[in-house]
Amino acid sequence: MLHRPRATLGRLLDELGTTLLEVVAGRVAPGTPVGGVAIHDRLDPPVLPEHALVLGIGLHQPAEIADVLREVGAAGAVGLVVRVPVDADAEVGAAVTATGTILFGLTRGASWAQVAALLRSLLAADDLADADGETLAGATAGDLFALAGAVSTLLGAPVTIEDLNSRVLAFSANQDKADDPRKETVLGQQVPERYLRELEQRGIFRQLYGSDRPVYITGLPGVALPRVAIRVRAGDEILGSMWAAVTGPLSPERERAFVDSARLVSLHLLRRRAGADVERRLRTELLATLLEGGPGAAHAAGRLGVATGPACVLALGVRGGGEESRVEAELQRLSGAFALHLSAVHPRSVAALIGGMVYGLIPLAGRETDQRAVAIARGFLDRIGDRTEIAIGIGRVAGDATELPRSRADAERALRVLLAGRAGTRAARAEDVQIAALLLELGDLMAAEQQEPAGPVARLAAYDAGHRSDLVATLRTWLDELGDMQATAAALHIHRNTLRYRLERIAEIGGIDLADPEARFAAMLELRLTGLPVDMNRG
């Protein structure tokens, strides 16, 4: 199973220390499992994973906190996190006692988004953790936070492990012993830009990545404690670095321990990258099997941890026109962001990049309809900004796993219409764009049979090409304006008498009876199939 509790409250508190969280009310049982992180939203309550740790963004009043404690406690949550200071009055205490849900306080200055990402990274177990049994002070190579804690114990100093972009991957629990810049780095999960500029100007990174020995750094503006750093590499590839906030240069023994520990950290980073690649491929294969249907679908649903009840398929795509490599890179980036967005909405959702398209699967509960999926899709598009080249098609609700292939086909059909610019929106259900989808499929059929439009519009287009006239544009505008002579003449910037003459020529050359509704409909259809736009919704 890909979904299972992988951490405990005790482990979270041990690894975070007092840097982020403090217990405000309740008694923590260290072995209490934590199955996921959810963000509380009173207007749109999320489906909580089992043993959830809930982030109560915006909760402040004691009565409101007590209400949410009772609500999430009834759903099996193990803890609620609110911003400090917290007024834990008698009502809050009673709610904690009644539900057994622990109330935690989040330190000021920490971003909720960063905290959510950090907690989720702590909850994500590395399936390759015990590949060869190497340990450091009892910490396996599969637990980067435990490794940071072990290195901190060996050095007697707070430690961070960072990637090549100076983003914090893990840190030891004793950051309260460090200075303010280190605390800012841990809370922000990123070395602040002002310190990065200083390090680059001094050539520290060049020195760090060019040597296997630790680099001792002093005199940084606003930094009280010296730093000692060492690169983390595997072969010729630099994977990141490890930093300790120290009171002075390392002793020879501690320097050797620091160098040795960097090798174990590199092993972990390689395994983590390989594990992420393996799990991503596995999830992709399982989701593809599920959406294809057939005898393996039920097994794939079980492996993914996806509910077998009602669900909806979403298909995300990017309009082409650029370099293939750029489109592929954009899809890779969007795939991760889309998966994160869906997981925040529902813990049993899943997303993957399959065949040049990002598919998402959203389980639906109770009386939820496909409008719920539409809202989720539009929420994601709003979050990534006004980028018209990205669109999401939504399939019909599938009652169970056997109906998911039909929902997938619907989502693909809707997405094609959206990417063709035929809908005027970036997210739509298949039924919302059914006519436009049928027209595209009719065009496909004509192309497959090597048929060219041969009706009145084709004859008018041939005449325009030979005589530099505008009969096709005139017909299109007249149909758009539902035969309104004044509106058509104004749109074309011509006199009404000129318009009458053109309509007579259209009827004569095109062989079309403009008074016949069937003939008008046929002309509108031909205009659409030849790629000449006409507003089908206006008549």
Protein backbone atom coordinates (compact mmCIF):
# COMPACT_ATOMS: atom_id res chain seq x y z
CA MET A 1 0.00 0.00 0.00
CA LEU A 2 1.26 3.49 -0.79
CA HIS A 3 -0.90 5.11 1.91
CA ARG A 4 -0.19 4.24 5.54
CA PRO A 5 0.77 6.01 8.78
CA ARG A 6 4.55 6.39 8.78
CA ALA A 7 5.29 8.56 11.81
CA THR A 8 4.28 9.25 15.37
CA LEU A 9 3.66 12.39 17.42
CA GLY A 10 6.70 11.55 19.47
CA ARG A 11 8.94 11.48 16.41
CA LEU A 12 7.56 14.77 15.09
CA LEU A 13 8.18 16.53 18.38
CA ASP A 14 11.63 14.98 18.78
CA GLU A 15 12.73 16.13 15.33
CA LEU A 16 11.09 19.54 15.33
CA GLY A 17 12.01 20.26 18.94
CA THR A 18 10.65 23.62 20.08
CA THR A 19 11.62 25.34 16.82
CA LEU A 20 8.13 25.09 15.36
CA LEU A 21 5.66 23.38 17.68
CA GLU A 22 4.83 23.40 21.36
CA VAL A 23 2.16 21.47 23.25
CA VAL A 24 -0.53 23.88 24.46
CA ALA A 25 -3.08 21.43 25.89
CA GLY A 26 -3.32 17.66 26.19
CA ARG A 27 -0.95 14.81 26.97
CA VAL A 28 1.12 13.48 24.09
CA ALA A 29 1.40 9.71 23.77
CA PRO A 30 4.68 9.41 21.82
CA GLY A 31 3.54 6.30 19.95
CA THR A 32 0.38 7.92 18.55
CA PRO A 33 0.49 7.42 14.77
CA VAL A 34 0.20 10.39 12.42
CA GLY A 35 -1.26 9.52 9.04
CA GLY A 36 -1.27 12.86 7.25
CA VAL A 37 -1.55 16.64 7.36
CA ALA A 38 -4.77 18.52 6.53
CA ILE A 39 -5.68 22.21 6.44
CA HIS A 40 -8.91 23.16 8.19
CA ASP A 41 -11.38 25.14 6.11
CA ARG A 42 -14.77 25.79 7.70
CA LEU A 43 -16.33 26.75 4.35
CA ASP A 44 -14.97 23.68 2.54
CA PRO A 45 -14.09 20.99 5.11
CA PRO A 46 -11.45 18.58 3.78
CA VAL A 47 -11.70 14.81 4.01
CA LEU A 48 -9.26 14.03 6.82
CA PRO A 49 -6.79 11.18 6.48
CA GLU A 50 -6.72 8.69 9.33
CA HIS A 51 -4.85 10.05 12.39
CA ALA A 52 -4.59 13.51 10.82
CA LEU A 53 -2.65 16.47 12.15
CA VAL A 54 -4.86 19.46 11.30
CA LEU A 55 -3.54 22.98 10.64
CA GLY A 56 -6.05 25.48 12.03
CA ILE A 57 -5.17 28.51 9.91
CA GLY A 58 -6.84 31.67 11.17
CA LEU A 59 -8.20 30.13 14.39
CA HIS A 60 -7.76 32.43 17.36
CA GLN A 61 -10.82 32.74 19.58
CA PRO A 62 -11.06 30.04 22.29
CA ALA A 63 -14.69 29.18 21.46
CA GLU A 64 -13.79 28.71 17.79
CA ILE A 65 -10.78 26.57 18.66
CA ALA A 66 -12.94 24.42 20.95
CA ASP A 67 -15.52 23.92 18.17
CA VAL A 68 -12.84 22.83 15.70
CA LEU A 69 -11.26 20.51 18.27
CA ARG A 70 -14.59 18.74 18.69
CA GLU A 71 -15.13 18.63 14.92
CA VAL A 72 -11.74 17.19 13.96
CA GLY A 73 -11.63 15.01 17.06
CA ALA A 74 -14.85 13.32 15.95
CA ALA A 75 -13.12 12.60 12.61
CA GLY A 76 -10.19 10.90 14.38
CA ALA A 77 -7.61 13.69 14.20
CA VAL A 78 -4.67 13.36 16.61
CA GLY A 79 -3.84 17.05 16.85
CA LEU A 80 -4.81 20.61 15.96
CA VAL A 81 -2.15 23.27 15.31
CA VAL A 82 -2.97 26.97 15.86
CA ARG A 83 -0.79 30.07 15.90
CA VAL A 84 0.57 31.22 19.26
CA PRO A 85 -0.28 32.93 21.54
CA VAL A 86 -3.25 30.67 22.38
CA ASP A 87 -5.81 31.36 25.08
CA ALA A 88 -6.44 27.80 26.24
CA ASP A 89 -9.42 28.50 28.49
CA ALA A 90 -11.65 26.00 30.28
CA GLU A 91 -13.77 25.33 27.17
CA VAL A 92 -10.66 24.52 25.11
CA GLY A 93 -9.35 22.27 27.87
CA ALA A 94 -12.68 20.44 28.06
CA ALA A 95 -12.67 19.89 24.29
CA VAL A 96 -9.13 18.49 24.42
CA THR A 97 -10.07 16.16 27.27
CA ALA A 98 -13.30 15.00 25.59
CA THR A 99 -11.74 14.26 22.19
CA GLY A 100 -8.19 13.27 23.12
CA THR A 101 -6.98 15.63 20.39
CA ILE A 102 -3.77 17.48 21.29
CA LEU A 103 -3.67 21.26 20.82
CA PHE A 104 -0.31 22.49 19.48
CA GLY A 105 0.99 26.03 19.14
CA LEU A 106 2.89 27.16 16.04
CA THR A 107 5.63 29.68 16.62
CA ARG A 108 5.29 33.15 15.13
CA GLY A 109 7.18 33.77 11.90
CA ALA A 110 6.60 30.31 10.46
CA SER A 111 4.68 30.19 7.16
CA TRP A 112 1.71 27.80 7.16
CA ALA A 113 2.61 26.62 3.65
CA GLN A 114 6.18 25.90 4.70
CA VAL A 115 5.04 24.14 7.86
CA ALA A 116 2.63 21.97 5.88
CA ALA A 117 5.40 21.03 3.44
CA LEU A 118 7.82 20.33 6.27
CA LEU A 119 5.38 18.12 8.17
CA ARG A 120 4.53 16.19 5.02
CA SER A 121 8.23 15.62 4.32
CA LEU A 122 8.64 14.26 7.85
CA LEU A 123 5.69 11.93 7.34
CA ALA A 124 7.01 10.57 4.06
CA ALA A 125 8.93 7.39 4.80
CA ASP A 126 11.72 6.29 2.49
CA ASP A 127 10.92 2.76 1.30
CA LEU A 128 14.61 2.21 0.60
CA ALA A 129 15.68 3.28 4.09
CA ASP A 130 17.24 0.02 5.22
CA ALA A 131 18.86 -1.03 1.96
CA ASP A 132 22.21 -1.93 3.46
CA GLY A 133 21.86 -1.24 7.17
CA GLU A 134 24.39 1.59 7.42
CA THR A 135 23.76 3.80 10.42
CA LEU A 136 25.17 6.86 12.13
CA ALA A 137 24.72 6.88 15.91
CA GLY A 138 21.83 4.48 15.40
CA ALA A 139 20.13 6.57 12.67
CA THR A 140 19.56 4.77 9.36
CA ALA A 141 20.32 6.33 6.02
CA GLY A 142 16.61 6.38 5.29
CA ASP A 143 15.81 9.11 7.83
CA LEU A 144 17.39 12.44 6.95
CA PHE A 145 16.09 14.27 10.03
CA ALA A 146 17.46 11.53 12.28
CA LEU A 147 20.79 11.81 10.46
CA ALA A 148 20.85 15.56 11.08
CA GLY A 149 20.17 14.87 14.75
CA ALA A 150 22.95 12.27 14.91
CA VAL A 151 25.48 14.63 13.29
CA SER A 152 24.40 17.36 15.70
CA THR A 153 25.12 15.04 18.62
CA LEU A 154 28.59 14.22 17.25
CA LEU A 155 29.45 17.89 16.71
CA GLY A 156 27.61 19.37 19.68
CA ALA A 157 26.05 21.94 17.35
CA PRO A 158 22.76 22.55 15.48
CA VAL A 159 22.89 21.10 11.94
CA THR A 160 21.02 21.64 8.68
CA ILE A 161 21.18 19.60 5.46
CA GLU A 162 20.57 21.64 2.31
CA ASP A 163 20.22 21.06 -1.41
CA LEU A 164 22.09 22.89 -4.17
CA ASN A 165 19.58 25.74 -4.06
CA SER A 166 20.18 26.21 -0.31
CA ARG A 167 16.72 24.84 0.53
CA VAL A 168 16.61 23.08 3.89
CA LEU A 169 15.98 19.34 3.48
CA ALA A 170 16.34 18.44 7.17
CA PHE A 171 17.56 19.90 10.44
CA SER A 172 18.40 18.79 13.96
CA ALA A 173 16.04 19.48 16.85
CA ASN A 174 18.28 21.84 18.81
CA GLN A 175 17.98 24.94 16.60
CA ASP A 176 16.98 27.03 19.65
CA LYS A 177 20.71 26.97 20.52
CA ALA A 178 21.59 28.66 17.24
CA ASP A 179 21.38 32.35 16.29
CA ASP A 180 18.50 34.23 14.71
CA PRO A 181 19.68 33.83 11.08
CA ARG A 182 19.71 30.04 11.52
CA LYS A 183 16.23 30.08 13.05
CA GLU A 184 15.03 32.21 10.14
CA THR A 185 16.53 29.70 7.72
CA VAL A 186 14.81 26.75 9.39
CA LEU A 187 11.44 28.49 9.63
CA GLY A 188 11.61 29.58 6.00
CA GLN A 189 13.06 26.26 4.80
CA GLN A 190 15.47 28.36 2.72
CA VAL A 191 18.66 30.33 3.39
CA PRO A 192 17.61 34.02 3.17
CA GLU A 193 18.65 35.80 0.00
CA ARG A 194 20.82 38.38 1.79
CA TYR A 195 23.04 35.66 3.25
CA LEU A 196 23.25 33.81 -0.07
CA ARG A 197 24.52 36.97 -1.77
CA GLU A 198 27.17 37.42 0.92
CA LEU A 199 28.31 33.79 0.61
CA GLU A 200 28.51 34.08 -3.18
CA GLN A 201 30.44 37.36 -3.07
CA ARG A 202 32.97 35.81 -0.70
CA GLY A 203 33.38 32.77 -2.94
CA ILE A 204 32.26 30.46 -0.14
CA PHE A 205 30.21 28.19 -2.42
CA ARG A 206 33.10 27.83 -4.88
CA GLN A 207 35.39 26.90 -1.99
CA LEU A 208 32.78 24.58 -0.45
CA TYR A 209 31.99 22.62 -3.63
CA GLY A 210 35.66 22.41 -4.63
CA SER A 211 36.92 20.56 -1.56
CA ASP A 212 36.21 17.40 0.41
CA ARG A 213 37.24 19.16 3.62
CA PRO A 214 34.94 21.27 5.81
CA VAL A 215 34.94 25.04 5.26
CA TYR A 216 34.99 27.30 8.33
CA ILE A 217 33.10 30.58 7.88
CA THR A 218 33.20 33.63 10.16
CA GLY A 219 32.34 37.31 10.02
CA LEU A 220 29.04 37.09 8.17
CA PRO A 221 27.06 40.32 8.82
CA GLY A 222 24.36 39.79 11.43
CA VAL A 223 25.40 36.18 12.11
CA ALA A 224 26.49 35.60 15.70
CA LEU A 225 27.87 32.06 15.41
CA PRO A 226 30.51 30.83 12.97
CA ARG A 227 29.51 28.19 10.44
CA VAL A 228 31.25 25.05 9.32
CA ALA A 229 30.02 23.44 6.10
CA ILE A 230 30.89 20.44 3.96
CA ARG A 231 29.74 19.42 0.53
CA VAL A 232 27.66 16.28 0.03
CA ARG A 233 28.57 14.47 -3.16
CA ALA A 234 28.28 11.11 -4.90
CA GLY A 235 31.11 10.50 -7.35
CA ASP A 236 31.46 13.66 -9.43
CA GLU A 237 27.94 14.88 -8.66
CA ILE A 238 27.39 17.51 -5.96
CA LEU A 239 24.08 16.78 -4.19
CA GLY A 240 24.03 19.53 -1.58
CA SER A 241 25.77 20.52 1.64
CA MET A 242 25.63 20.17 5.42
CA TRP A 243 25.99 23.14 7.77
CA ALA A 244 26.63 23.42 11.52
CA ALA A 245 26.37 26.54 13.69
CA VAL A 246 29.45 26.21 15.94
CA THR A 247 31.20 28.22 18.60
CA GLY A 248 34.65 27.68 17.08
CA PRO A 249 36.70 25.49 14.71
CA LEU A 250 36.07 21.73 14.91
CA SER A 251 38.50 19.47 16.67
CA PRO A 252 40.26 16.88 14.47
CA GLU A 253 37.96 14.14 15.81
CA ARG A 254 34.80 16.12 15.12
CA GLU A 255 36.07 17.15 11.69
CA ARG A 256 36.58 13.47 10.78
CA ALA A 257 33.07 12.69 12.04
CA PHE A 258 31.70 15.54 9.93
CA VAL A 259 33.45 14.25 6.81
CA ASP A 260 32.30 10.67 7.42
CA SER A 261 28.72 11.73 8.05
CA ALA A 262 28.63 13.61 4.73
CA ARG A 263 29.17 10.28 2.94
CA LEU A 264 26.17 8.75 4.68
CA VAL A 265 24.05 11.81 3.90
CA SER A 266 25.00 11.45 0.23
CA LEU A 267 23.83 7.83 0.33
CA HIS A 268 20.51 8.94 1.75
CA LEU A 269 20.03 11.66 -0.88
CA LEU A 270 20.75 9.18 -3.66
CA ARG A 271 18.29 6.70 -2.19
CA ARG A 272 15.69 9.38 -1.68
CA ARG A 273 15.99 10.46 -5.30
CA ALA A 274 15.87 6.87 -6.51
CA GLY A 275 12.96 6.11 -4.20
CA ALA A 276 11.04 9.13 -5.47
CA ASP A 277 11.66 8.04 -9.07
CA VAL A 278 10.57 4.47 -8.33
CA GLU A 279 7.42 5.57 -6.49
CA ARG A 280 6.56 8.09 -9.20
CA ARG A 281 6.87 5.42 -11.89
CA LEU A 282 4.85 2.98 -9.79
CA ARG A 283 2.06 5.49 -9.19
CA THR A 284 2.02 6.35 -12.90
CA GLU A 285 1.73 2.70 -13.90
CA LEU A 286 -0.99 2.01 -11.33
CA LEU A 287 -3.02 5.07 -12.30
CA ALA A 288 -2.68 4.19 -16.00
CA THR A 289 -3.92 0.67 -15.24
CA LEU A 290 -6.83 2.06 -13.23
CA LEU A 291 -7.88 4.48 -15.97
CA GLU A 292 -7.53 1.85 -18.68
CA GLY A 293 -9.94 -0.46 -16.85
CA GLY A 294 -9.86 -4.22 -17.17
CA PRO A 295 -9.08 -7.01 -14.69
CA GLY A 296 -6.14 -5.18 -13.09
CA ALA A 297 -8.08 -2.01 -12.20
CA ALA A 298 -9.36 -3.17 -8.81
CA HIS A 299 -5.85 -4.27 -7.75
CA ALA A 300 -4.39 -0.93 -8.91
CA ALA A 301 -7.05 0.95 -6.92
CA GLY A 302 -6.08 -1.00 -3.81
CA ARG A 303 -2.37 -0.36 -4.29
CA LEU A 304 -3.00 3.35 -4.71
CA GLY A 305 -5.25 3.48 -1.67
CA VAL A 306 -8.02 5.02 -3.80
CA ALA A 307 -11.59 4.50 -2.63
CA THR A 308 -13.62 2.20 -4.90
CA GLY A 309 -16.74 4.41 -4.67
CA PRO A 310 -17.72 7.43 -6.81
CA ALA A 311 -14.83 9.34 -8.34
CA CYS A 312 -14.08 11.82 -11.10
CA VAL A 313 -11.19 11.96 -13.58
CA LEU A 314 -9.50 15.25 -14.44
CA ALA A 315 -7.16 15.73 -17.41
CA LEU A 316 -4.69 18.63 -17.44
CA GLY A 317 -2.86 19.67 -20.58
CA VAL A 318 -0.72 22.46 -22.02
CA ARG A 319 -1.38 24.03 -25.39
CA GLY A 320 1.48 23.22 -27.77
CA GLY A 321 3.24 25.57 -30.13
CA GLY A 322 6.55 25.78 -28.27
CA GLU A 323 9.54 23.50 -28.06
CA GLU A 324 8.66 19.94 -27.16
CA SER A 325 11.23 19.93 -24.35
CA ARG A 326 9.70 23.08 -22.87
CA VAL A 327 6.21 21.60 -22.93
CA GLU A 328 7.45 18.38 -21.33
CA ALA A 329 9.27 20.29 -18.59
CA GLU A 330 6.15 22.35 -17.95
CA LEU A 331 4.04 19.20 -17.67
CA GLN A 332 6.52 17.66 -15.23
CA ARG A 333 6.35 20.77 -13.06
CA LEU A 334 2.57 20.97 -13.25
CA SER A 335 2.23 17.28 -12.43
CA GLY A 336 3.88 17.75 -9.04
CA ALA A 337 1.93 20.91 -8.28
CA PHE A 338 -1.35 19.30 -9.34
CA ALA A 339 -0.69 16.22 -7.20
CA LEU A 340 0.04 18.43 -4.18
CA HIS A 341 -3.14 20.47 -4.79
CA LEU A 342 -5.31 17.34 -5.03
CA SER A 343 -3.76 15.74 -1.96
CA ALA A 344 -4.56 18.86 0.05
CA VAL A 345 -8.21 18.52 -1.01
CA HIS A 346 -8.56 14.76 -0.51
CA PRO A 347 -5.96 12.39 1.00
CA ARG A 348 -6.98 9.55 -1.34
CA SER A 349 -6.62 11.52 -4.55
CA VAL A 350 -3.87 10.66 -7.01
CA ALA A 351 -2.25 12.39 -10.00
CA ALA A 352 0.39 11.42 -12.55
CA LEU A 353 1.83 12.42 -15.92
CA ILE A 354 0.79 9.82 -18.49
CA GLY A 355 1.39 10.13 -22.22
CA GLY A 356 1.77 13.90 -22.41
CA MET A 357 -1.21 14.60 -20.15
CA VAL A 358 -1.56 14.98 -16.38
CA TYR A 359 -4.42 12.90 -15.00
CA GLY A 360 -5.98 13.40 -11.59
CA LEU A 361 -8.46 11.19 -9.76
CA ILE A 362 -10.71 12.73 -7.11
CA PRO A 363 -12.91 10.50 -4.91
CA LEU A 364 -16.36 11.99 -4.24
CA ALA A 365 -18.27 11.54 -1.01
CA GLY A 366 -21.92 11.77 -0.04
CA ARG A 367 -23.88 14.06 -2.32
CA GLU A 368 -20.84 15.56 -4.06
CA THR A 369 -21.17 15.87 -7.84
CA ASP A 370 -18.79 16.65 -10.67
CA GLN A 371 -19.22 20.32 -9.75
CA ARG A 372 -16.91 19.57 -6.84
CA ALA A 373 -14.25 18.47 -9.34
CA VAL A 374 -14.86 21.64 -11.40
CA ALA A 375 -14.31 23.79 -8.29
CA ILE A 376 -11.10 21.91 -7.48
CA ALA A 377 -9.82 22.35 -11.05
CA ARG A 378 -10.61 26.07 -11.10
CA GLY A 379 -9.01 26.49 -7.70
CA PHE A 380 -5.77 25.02 -9.05
CA LEU A 381 -5.85 27.17 -12.18
CA ASP A 382 -6.46 30.29 -10.09
CA ARG A 383 -3.53 29.37 -7.86
CA ILE A 384 -1.03 29.03 -10.71
CA GLY A 385 -2.15 32.34 -12.22
CA ASP A 386 -3.67 33.57 -15.46
CA ARG A 387 -1.95 31.26 -17.91
CA THR A 388 -4.25 30.59 -20.84
CA GLU A 389 -2.15 27.76 -22.26
CA ILE A 390 -3.10 25.45 -19.37
CA ALA A 391 -6.54 23.83 -19.18
CA ILE A 392 -8.33 21.03 -17.28
CA GLY A 393 -11.09 18.79 -18.61
CA ILE A 394 -13.44 17.05 -16.17
CA GLY A 395 -15.06 13.69 -16.84
CA ARG A 396 -18.42 12.44 -15.64
CA VAL A 397 -18.78 10.87 -12.19
CA ALA A 398 -17.75 7.19 -12.21
CA GLY A 399 -19.80 5.04 -9.84
CA ASP A 400 -16.90 2.63 -9.33
CA ALA A 401 -13.53 1.65 -10.80
CA THR A 402 -15.13 -0.04 -13.83
CA GLU A 403 -16.55 3.29 -15.03
CA LEU A 404 -13.30 5.27 -14.74
CA PRO A 405 -12.24 4.68 -18.39
CA ARG A 406 -15.44 6.42 -19.54
CA SER A 407 -14.75 9.34 -17.16
CA ARG A 408 -11.21 9.52 -18.52
CA ALA A 409 -12.48 9.65 -22.13
CA ASP A 410 -14.85 12.47 -21.16
CA ALA A 411 -12.05 14.43 -19.51
CA GLU A 412 -9.79 14.02 -22.56
CA ARG A 413 -12.61 15.13 -24.88
CA ALA A 414 -13.27 18.25 -22.81
CA LEU A 415 -9.56 19.06 -22.56
CA ARG A 416 -9.15 18.89 -26.32
CA VAL A 417 -11.91 21.46 -26.80
CA LEU A 418 -10.35 23.74 -24.17
CA LEU A 419 -6.88 23.56 -25.69
CA ALA A 420 -8.36 24.29 -29.11
CA GLY A 421 -9.76 27.54 -27.69
CA ARG A 422 -13.35 26.56 -28.43
CA ALA A 423 -14.84 27.09 -24.96
CA GLY A 424 -13.77 30.49 -23.61
CA THR A 425 -12.74 28.97 -20.26
CA ARG A 426 -9.87 26.94 -18.82
CA ALA A 427 -11.88 24.26 -16.98
CA ALA A 428 -15.02 22.49 -18.18
CA ARG A 429 -16.94 19.24 -18.02
CA ALA A 430 -17.40 17.14 -21.14
CA GLU A 431 -21.13 17.88 -21.18
CA ASP A 432 -20.43 21.62 -21.13
CA VAL A 433 -18.52 21.41 -24.43
CA GLN A 434 -20.29 18.46 -26.02
CA ILE A 435 -21.17 20.14 -29.33
CA ALA A 436 -17.68 21.56 -29.80
CA ALA A 437 -16.22 18.12 -29.05
CA LEU A 438 -18.49 16.48 -31.62
CA LEU A 439 -17.40 19.01 -34.23
CA LEU A 440 -13.74 18.26 -33.55
CA GLU A 441 -14.42 14.54 -33.84
CA LEU A 442 -16.31 15.10 -37.10
CA GLY A 443 -13.27 16.96 -38.39
CA ASP A 444 -11.12 13.99 -37.38
CA LEU A 445 -13.41 11.66 -39.31
CA MET A 446 -13.22 13.83 -42.42
CA ALA A 447 -9.43 13.97 -42.16
CA ALA A 448 -9.21 10.19 -41.72
CA GLU A 449 -11.29 9.68 -44.85
CA GLN A 450 -9.37 12.44 -46.67
CA GLN A 451 -12.53 14.45 -47.24
CA GLU A 452 -12.45 18.19 -47.86
CA PRO A 453 -15.44 20.50 -47.19
CA ALA A 454 -17.25 20.83 -50.50
CA GLY A 455 -20.37 22.85 -49.67
CA PRO A 456 -21.38 26.47 -50.15
CA VAL A 457 -18.60 27.83 -47.92
CA ALA A 458 -15.93 26.01 -49.96
CA ARG A 459 -17.33 27.51 -53.18
CA LEU A 460 -17.39 30.99 -51.61
CA ALA A 461 -13.81 30.58 -50.34
CA ALA A 462 -12.63 29.63 -53.84
CA TYR A 463 -14.39 32.66 -55.30
CA ASP A 464 -12.83 34.98 -52.63
CA ALA A 465 -9.37 33.61 -53.43
CA GLY A 466 -9.77 34.38 -57.14
CA HIS A 467 -11.53 37.73 -56.88
CA ARG A 468 -10.19 39.24 -53.61
CA SER A 469 -13.71 39.48 -52.23
CA ASP A 470 -15.04 38.95 -48.70
CA LEU A 471 -18.07 36.74 -49.20
CA VAL A 472 -17.05 34.12 -46.58
CA ALA A 473 -16.45 36.80 -43.93
CA THR A 474 -19.77 38.43 -44.81
CA LEU A 475 -21.65 35.14 -44.46
CA ARG A 476 -19.94 34.38 -41.19
CA THR A 477 -20.79 37.79 -39.70
CA TRP A 478 -24.40 37.61 -40.96
CA LEU A 479 -24.84 34.21 -39.31
CA ASP A 480 -23.23 35.48 -36.10
CA GLU A 481 -25.67 38.39 -36.02
CA LEU A 482 -28.64 36.04 -36.62
CA GLY A 483 -29.51 37.75 -39.91
CA ASP A 484 -29.75 41.24 -38.39
CA MET A 485 -28.95 43.48 -41.37
CA GLN A 486 -28.15 46.62 -39.37
CA ALA A 487 -25.86 44.82 -36.88
CA THR A 488 -24.11 42.92 -39.69
CA ALA A 489 -23.50 46.05 -41.74
CA ALA A 490 -22.14 47.85 -38.67
CA ALA A 491 -19.82 44.95 -37.82
CA LEU A 492 -18.48 44.87 -41.40
CA HIS A 493 -18.33 48.69 -41.68
CA ILE A 494 -20.33 48.67 -44.92
CA HIS A 495 -23.64 50.17 -46.08
CA ARG A 496 -26.77 48.05 -45.83
CA ASN A 497 -27.21 48.18 -49.61
CA THR A 498 -23.70 46.80 -50.02
CA LEU A 499 -24.60 44.03 -47.59
CA ARG A 500 -27.75 43.17 -49.57
CA TYR A 501 -25.70 42.93 -52.74
CA ARG A 502 -23.16 40.65 -51.07
CA LEU A 503 -25.88 38.36 -49.69
CA GLU A 504 -27.32 38.05 -53.18
CA ARG A 505 -23.88 37.10 -54.52
CA ILE A 506 -23.46 34.60 -51.64
CA ALA A 507 -26.73 32.91 -52.54
CA GLU A 508 -25.83 32.89 -56.22
CA ILE A 509 -22.19 31.77 -56.05
CA GLY A 510 -22.51 29.49 -53.03
CA GLY A 511 -25.77 27.96 -54.14
CA ILE A 512 -27.33 28.48 -50.71
CA ASP A 513 -30.87 29.46 -49.79
CA LEU A 514 -30.33 31.84 -46.88
CA ALA A 515 -34.02 31.68 -45.98
CA ASP A 516 -33.77 27.93 -45.30
CA PRO A 517 -32.87 27.11 -41.61
CA GLU A 518 -31.30 23.80 -42.64
CA ALA A 519 -29.11 25.55 -45.22
CA ARG A 520 -28.01 28.13 -42.64
CA PHE A 521 -27.15 25.39 -40.13
CA ALA A 522 -25.16 23.52 -42.78
CA ALA A 523 -23.24 26.68 -43.57
CA MET A 524 -22.47 27.27 -39.89
CA LEU A 525 -21.23 23.69 -39.59
CA GLU A 526 -19.05 24.00 -42.66
CA LEU A 527 -17.57 27.24 -41.38
CA ARG A 528 -16.62 25.49 -38.15
CA LEU A 529 -15.14 22.46 -39.93
CA THR A 530 -13.03 24.66 -42.21
CA GLY A 531 -11.60 26.44 -39.17
CA LEU A 532 -13.52 29.66 -39.80
CA PRO A 533 -15.12 30.57 -36.46
CA VAL A 534 -18.82 31.07 -36.04
CA ASP A 535 -20.66 31.43 -32.74
CA MET A 536 -22.78 28.27 -32.50
CA ASN A 537 -24.35 29.47 -29.26
CA ARG A 538 -26.06 32.45 -30.89
CA GLY A 539 -28.43 30.60 -33.11
